[in-house]
Each structure stands twice: as structure tokens, then as C-alpha cells.
Protein backbone atom coordinates (compact mmCIF):
# COMPACT_ATOMS: atom_id res chain seq x y z
CA UNK A 1 -7.78 -25.58 -76.16
CA UNK A 2 -8.88 -25.99 -72.54
CA UNK A 3 -6.08 -28.42 -71.65
CA UNK A 4 -3.37 -25.98 -72.81
CA UNK A 5 -5.01 -23.15 -70.87
CA UNK A 6 -5.11 -25.30 -67.73
CA UNK A 7 -1.45 -26.23 -68.20
CA UNK A 8 -0.53 -22.53 -68.36
CA UNK A 9 -2.64 -21.63 -65.33
CA UNK A 10 -1.14 -24.39 -63.22
CA UNK A 11 2.38 -23.96 -64.61
CA UNK A 12 2.56 -27.57 -65.73
CA UNK A 13 3.67 -29.03 -69.01
CA UNK A 14 1.80 -32.28 -68.56
CA UNK A 15 -1.10 -33.27 -66.35
CA UNK A 16 -0.92 -36.54 -64.47
CA UNK A 17 -4.48 -37.68 -64.99
CA UNK A 18 -3.72 -41.36 -64.34
CA UNK A 19 -5.00 -41.23 -60.77
CA UNK A 20 -8.52 -40.42 -61.93
CA UNK A 21 -10.88 -43.26 -62.88
CA UNK A 22 -14.35 -42.88 -64.30
CA UNK A 23 -17.55 -44.89 -64.19
CA UNK A 24 -19.56 -44.99 -67.42
CA UNK A 25 -23.32 -45.15 -66.76
CA UNK A 26 -24.48 -42.01 -64.98
CA UNK A 27 -21.11 -40.30 -65.46
CA UNK A 28 -20.32 -40.51 -69.19
CA UNK A 29 -23.67 -41.69 -70.49
CA UNK A 30 -27.28 -41.59 -69.32
CA UNK A 31 -28.56 -45.15 -69.44
CA UNK A 32 -31.43 -44.21 -67.12
CA UNK A 33 -32.79 -41.62 -69.56
CA UNK A 34 -32.88 -43.97 -72.55
CA UNK A 35 -34.28 -46.90 -70.53
CA UNK A 36 -36.93 -45.00 -68.53
CA UNK A 37 -37.34 -41.74 -70.44
CA UNK A 38 -36.42 -39.67 -67.36
CA UNK A 39 -34.03 -39.52 -64.39
CA UNK A 40 -35.39 -41.67 -61.56
CA UNK A 41 -35.68 -40.48 -57.96
CA UNK A 42 -34.31 -43.74 -56.55
CA UNK A 43 -31.56 -46.17 -57.60
CA UNK A 44 -33.94 -49.16 -57.96
CA UNK A 45 -36.83 -47.17 -59.40
CA UNK A 46 -39.30 -49.24 -61.42
CA UNK A 47 -41.34 -48.30 -64.44
CA UNK A 48 -44.04 -50.81 -65.31
CA UNK A 49 -42.43 -53.13 -62.75
CA UNK A 50 -38.96 -53.00 -64.35
CA UNK A 51 -35.73 -51.33 -63.17
CA UNK A 52 -33.20 -49.82 -65.58
CA UNK A 53 -31.18 -53.05 -65.30
CA UNK A 54 -34.24 -55.17 -66.09
CA UNK A 55 -35.04 -53.06 -69.16
CA UNK A 56 -31.47 -53.16 -70.47
CA UNK A 57 -31.22 -56.92 -69.83
CA UNK A 58 -34.20 -57.35 -72.14
CA UNK A 59 -32.43 -55.39 -74.89
CA UNK A 60 -28.69 -54.76 -74.29
CA UNK A 61 -28.42 -52.67 -77.48
CA UNK A 62 -29.98 -49.86 -75.41
CA UNK A 63 -26.47 -49.43 -73.95
CA UNK A 64 -25.12 -48.41 -77.37
CA UNK A 65 -27.90 -45.88 -77.96
CA UNK A 66 -27.63 -44.13 -74.58
CA UNK A 67 -27.15 -40.37 -74.71
CA UNK A 68 -23.86 -38.82 -73.56
CA UNK A 69 -24.06 -37.12 -70.18
CA UNK A 70 -23.41 -33.45 -69.59
CA UNK A 71 -19.96 -34.45 -68.26
CA UNK A 72 -18.66 -36.15 -71.40
CA UNK A 73 -17.41 -32.97 -73.11
CA UNK A 74 -15.19 -31.98 -70.19
CA UNK A 75 -13.89 -35.55 -69.91
CA UNK A 76 -13.05 -35.60 -73.62
CA UNK A 77 -11.34 -32.21 -73.33
CA UNK A 78 -9.21 -33.23 -70.35
CA UNK A 79 -8.20 -36.56 -71.85
CA UNK A 80 -7.46 -35.33 -75.37
CA UNK A 81 -4.15 -37.05 -76.27
CA UNK A 82 -4.28 -39.01 -72.99
CA UNK A 83 -5.69 -42.37 -71.96
CA UNK A 84 -8.69 -42.42 -69.65
CA UNK A 85 -9.06 -45.11 -66.99
CA UNK A 86 -12.54 -46.54 -66.66
CA UNK A 87 -13.84 -48.77 -63.89
CA UNK A 88 -17.42 -49.85 -64.47
CA UNK A 89 -19.90 -52.54 -63.57
CA UNK A 90 -21.55 -53.97 -66.66
CA UNK A 91 -23.50 -57.14 -67.19
CA UNK A 92 -21.62 -59.55 -69.54
CA UNK A 93 -24.34 -59.16 -72.18
CA UNK A 94 -23.84 -55.36 -72.14
CA UNK A 95 -20.06 -55.24 -72.57
CA UNK A 96 -19.83 -55.33 -76.37
CA UNK A 97 -22.42 -52.53 -76.69
CA UNK A 98 -20.62 -50.56 -73.98
CA UNK A 99 -17.29 -50.92 -75.82
CA UNK A 100 -18.93 -49.72 -79.03
CA UNK A 101 -20.47 -46.75 -77.18
CA UNK A 102 -17.09 -45.79 -75.70
CA UNK A 103 -15.37 -46.07 -79.09
CA UNK A 104 -18.04 -43.87 -80.68
CA UNK A 105 -18.16 -41.16 -77.98
CA UNK A 106 -14.70 -40.93 -76.40
CA UNK A 107 -12.17 -38.80 -78.26
CA UNK A 108 -9.26 -40.43 -76.47
CA UNK A 109 -7.77 -43.82 -75.80
CA UNK A 110 -9.29 -45.76 -72.92
CA UNK A 111 -8.63 -48.68 -70.59
CA UNK A 112 -11.66 -50.41 -69.11
CA UNK A 113 -11.81 -52.62 -66.05
CA UNK A 114 -15.13 -54.38 -65.55
CA UNK A 115 -16.31 -55.19 -62.04
CA UNK A 116 -19.27 -56.81 -60.34
CA UNK A 117 -19.90 -54.48 -57.39
CA UNK A 118 -18.87 -51.23 -55.66
CA UNK A 119 -16.44 -52.95 -53.28
CA UNK A 120 -14.56 -54.43 -56.24
CA UNK A 121 -14.32 -50.96 -57.83
CA UNK A 122 -12.80 -49.55 -54.64
CA UNK A 123 -10.32 -52.42 -54.43
CA UNK A 124 -8.89 -51.43 -57.83
CA UNK A 125 -7.99 -47.92 -56.67
CA UNK A 126 -4.48 -47.09 -55.52
CA UNK A 127 -3.72 -45.02 -52.44
CA UNK A 128 -4.01 -41.66 -54.24
CA UNK A 129 -6.57 -42.66 -56.87
CA UNK A 130 -9.97 -41.01 -57.27
CA UNK A 131 -13.11 -42.52 -58.81
CA UNK A 132 -15.71 -40.30 -60.49
CA UNK A 133 -18.97 -42.13 -59.84
CA UNK A 134 -22.74 -41.73 -59.46
CA UNK A 135 -23.76 -44.85 -57.54
CA UNK A 136 -25.27 -44.54 -54.05
CA UNK A 137 -24.14 -48.07 -53.11
CA UNK A 138 -20.55 -47.59 -51.94
CA UNK A 139 -19.60 -48.34 -48.33
CA UNK A 140 -17.09 -45.44 -48.35
CA UNK A 141 -16.85 -42.27 -50.46
CA UNK A 142 -13.44 -40.95 -49.36
CA UNK A 143 -11.91 -41.74 -52.79
CA UNK A 144 -14.97 -40.76 -54.80
CA UNK A 145 -16.11 -37.60 -56.54
CA UNK A 146 -19.86 -38.18 -56.66
CA UNK A 147 -21.81 -36.92 -59.66
CA UNK A 148 -25.05 -35.50 -58.26
CA UNK A 149 -28.15 -37.34 -59.40
CA UNK A 150 -31.66 -37.48 -57.93
CA UNK A 151 -31.11 -41.11 -56.94
CA UNK A 152 -28.01 -40.39 -54.81
CA UNK A 153 -29.02 -37.20 -53.01
CA UNK A 154 -29.96 -39.08 -49.83
CA UNK A 155 -26.33 -39.94 -49.04
CA UNK A 156 -23.82 -37.66 -47.35
CA UNK A 157 -20.46 -37.64 -49.15
CA UNK A 158 -17.21 -35.66 -48.83
CA UNK A 159 -17.23 -34.52 -52.48
CA UNK A 160 -20.30 -34.04 -54.66
CA UNK A 161 -20.35 -32.16 -57.97
CA UNK A 162 -23.45 -30.71 -59.59
CA UNK A 163 -22.16 -29.75 -63.04
CA UNK A 164 -19.15 -30.16 -65.37
CA UNK A 165 -17.49 -26.97 -64.10
CA UNK A 166 -17.49 -28.29 -60.54
CA UNK A 167 -16.04 -31.61 -61.73
CA UNK A 168 -13.26 -29.76 -63.53
CA UNK A 169 -12.47 -27.74 -60.40
CA UNK A 170 -12.32 -30.90 -58.24
CA UNK A 171 -9.95 -32.55 -60.70
CA UNK A 172 -7.72 -29.44 -60.82
CA UNK A 173 -7.60 -29.32 -57.01
CA UNK A 174 -6.37 -32.92 -56.92
CA UNK A 175 -3.75 -32.77 -59.67
């Protein structure tokens, strides 16, 4: 398994993955794709006058039916037999569908902290913690590994990953 191979390569018997925290929408699942049918070019993109948030607010069950992202397999592999820390902003009406989605798609235990905005997410991070995120709305990206999406390409960040292999390499570098 990938985790055992990484342990051998790094000469470790156990990874300390606790310092990594993950967002859900845009990182683990693609809410934009199920709501709009495509990846938008901008964060507040509208289709027929509605943003992704507007569409999901009309039918929160969309959250449950969202497709896994291309990053979910590597996350599941890394966190096999571990507990993943999740920090995500979800509307109250979305939370039960989000919890059901996580239970269905994650192959590991998870802890979720729900927030209302990017600043609150950052406030939950410890000194050495890292957040894997896709949002272009943060005031500071020093503690963030940004998942590259069309809607966040306009911002300059210290760490941006374009595929699951790059995410894995960034995590390994920070272990």
C-alpha cells in the first residue's frame, strides 16, 4: 500500500498527519460540477442568475450527490487507519448531507469543524498546521496548500498544486 511505501522511503514508522486539515468542497468533492455542470471561471460565477451556493440552497441534497474530486483517492490512501481533520464552511441546511457524503466517500475516521468564513478557518489552525483549500477568499495563504482551480488562478500563493501527485509531494515535504 502507498502509506507503507512512504513510511519505508522516509524511514518512519508512523506519519504525523494531524497538522494537515482539509476543506471539503473543491478539495474532496466537486460541488461546482454537480450544481453547474462544469467548473466555473470565477468564484461567484452565475448560471441562469444563480451561483453554486444559490443552487445548493434551493436543494441541499445536491451536496450528497456531488462527485468525488481527483484528490479524494490520495487523501483516502494517506489517511487509511488515521483520522482526517476537516475544516469547512457549510450552510446549516447542508451539514447533514455533507456528513452523509463524508461517511459514504471517506475510508477513514474524520473530525469536522464547521466555520462561517475564511478568517475563522485560519483561526483554527495551530502554528505548524496546514490547510488544503481551494477558496480564493483568504487574506493570507502562508498556511495553505491551494488546490488549483480555474476560479482561483488569479491569486498569487506560496503553494499551489495542480494534481494529486503534487499534493502528495507537498504533504511529504511538510511531514
